[in-house]
Amino acid sequence: MNQESVNKALYFVESGILSAEEDIIGGCEDEYSRTSLNVLLVCKEALEKQVAKKPTNIKYFTYDEKIGYCPSCECGTNSQIMFCDKCGQKLDWEE
């Protein structure tokens, strides 16, 4: 999934979240609107993990391999891993 697709999907998910929140605030709270809101929040979290973030505290382990920490959950990882093993955050090892 490329960055443009992720941004577009996030836009629609965030619009759905606002709509569901307005329904709930407006007194139309029912099981469907609460469930919809929860599903959309999970979708947003998953989509945000598709946006690559740079690991923190990057150090060279070998000439072509680096080690660092996931910026989302602080789990240790290396540059051979494109997604954090613990939380699924996409990682950007480029300099």
Protein backbone atom coordinates (compact mmCIF):
# COMPACT_ATOMS: atom_id res chain seq x y z
CA MET A 1 0.00 0.00 0.00
CA ASN A 2 1.61 3.28 -1.05
CA GLN A 3 1.54 6.52 0.93
CA GLU A 4 -1.15 8.10 -1.26
CA SER A 5 -3.49 5.14 -0.76
CA VAL A 6 -2.90 5.20 2.99
CA ASN A 7 -3.61 8.96 3.16
CA LYS A 8 -6.80 8.56 1.13
CA ALA A 9 -8.01 5.68 3.30
CA LEU A 10 -7.18 7.63 6.47
CA TYR A 11 -9.22 10.57 5.18
CA PHE A 12 -12.31 8.38 4.70
CA VAL A 13 -11.84 6.56 8.00
CA GLU A 14 -11.44 9.84 9.89
CA SER A 15 -14.58 11.19 8.19
CA GLY A 16 -16.45 8.08 9.34
CA ILE A 17 -15.14 8.53 12.87
CA LEU A 18 -16.39 12.13 12.95
CA SER A 19 -19.77 11.04 11.64
CA ALA A 20 -20.10 8.25 14.21
CA GLU A 21 -19.03 10.60 17.02
CA GLU A 22 -21.61 13.19 15.88
CA ASP A 23 -24.32 10.51 15.93
CA ILE A 24 -23.35 9.51 19.45
CA ILE A 25 -23.14 13.12 20.68
CA GLY A 26 -26.44 13.91 18.95
CA GLY A 27 -28.22 11.24 20.93
CA CYS A 28 -28.34 8.57 18.23
CA GLU A 29 -26.14 6.27 20.27
CA ASP A 30 -27.00 2.67 19.63
CA GLU A 31 -25.04 -0.55 19.37
CA TYR A 32 -24.47 -0.01 15.64
CA SER A 33 -22.95 3.47 16.04
CA ARG A 34 -20.71 2.35 18.95
CA THR A 35 -19.56 -0.69 17.00
CA SER A 36 -18.97 1.40 13.87
CA LEU A 37 -16.90 3.87 15.86
CA ASN A 38 -14.81 1.10 17.42
CA VAL A 39 -14.21 -0.57 14.04
CA LEU A 40 -13.19 2.74 12.47
CA LEU A 41 -10.79 3.49 15.34
CA VAL A 42 -9.12 0.09 14.85
CA CYS A 43 -8.90 0.76 11.09
CA LYS A 44 -7.31 4.15 11.73
CA GLU A 45 -4.72 2.62 14.05
CA ALA A 46 -3.87 -0.08 11.49
CA LEU A 47 -3.60 2.45 8.66
CA GLU A 48 -1.34 4.72 10.71
CA LYS A 49 1.01 1.76 11.21
CA GLN A 50 1.39 1.62 7.41
CA VAL A 51 3.04 5.05 7.47
CA ALA A 52 6.76 4.30 7.79
CA LYS A 53 8.51 5.85 10.78
CA LYS A 54 12.22 6.04 11.44
CA PRO A 55 13.51 3.84 14.25
CA THR A 56 15.13 5.64 17.19
CA ASN A 57 18.67 5.30 18.54
CA ILE A 58 19.96 3.74 15.31
CA LYS A 59 23.44 2.24 15.52
CA TYR A 60 25.40 0.17 13.02
CA PHE A 61 25.61 -3.49 13.99
CA THR A 62 27.65 -4.48 10.94
CA TYR A 63 28.59 -2.61 7.77
CA ASP A 64 25.18 -3.19 6.18
CA GLU A 65 22.96 -3.90 9.19
CA LYS A 66 21.65 -1.41 11.75
CA ILE A 67 19.88 -1.83 15.04
CA GLY A 68 17.39 0.54 16.64
CA TYR A 69 14.08 0.83 18.43
CA CYS A 70 10.55 0.99 17.06
CA PRO A 71 9.29 4.57 17.47
CA SER A 72 5.80 3.30 18.41
CA CYS A 73 6.48 0.63 21.03
CA GLU A 74 10.25 0.96 21.67
CA CYS A 75 10.86 -2.70 20.87
CA GLY A 76 14.42 -3.44 19.74
CA THR A 77 14.75 -4.35 16.05
CA ASN A 78 17.20 -4.45 13.16
CA SER A 79 17.31 -3.15 9.62
CA GLN A 80 16.40 -6.54 8.16
CA ILE A 81 12.90 -6.05 9.63
CA MET A 82 10.51 -3.79 7.70
CA PHE A 83 7.66 -4.04 10.24
CA CYS A 84 8.03 -4.15 14.03
CA ASP A 85 7.56 -7.71 15.33
CA LYS A 86 5.71 -6.45 18.41
CA CYS A 87 3.31 -3.76 17.16
CA GLY A 88 3.40 -3.96 13.33
CA GLN A 89 4.68 -0.39 12.77
CA LYS A 90 6.24 0.01 9.31
CA LEU A 91 9.87 1.05 9.70
CA ASP A 92 11.95 3.32 7.46
CA TRP A 93 15.65 2.49 7.73
CA GLU A 94 16.73 4.85 4.95
CA GLU A 95 19.08 7.65 5.91
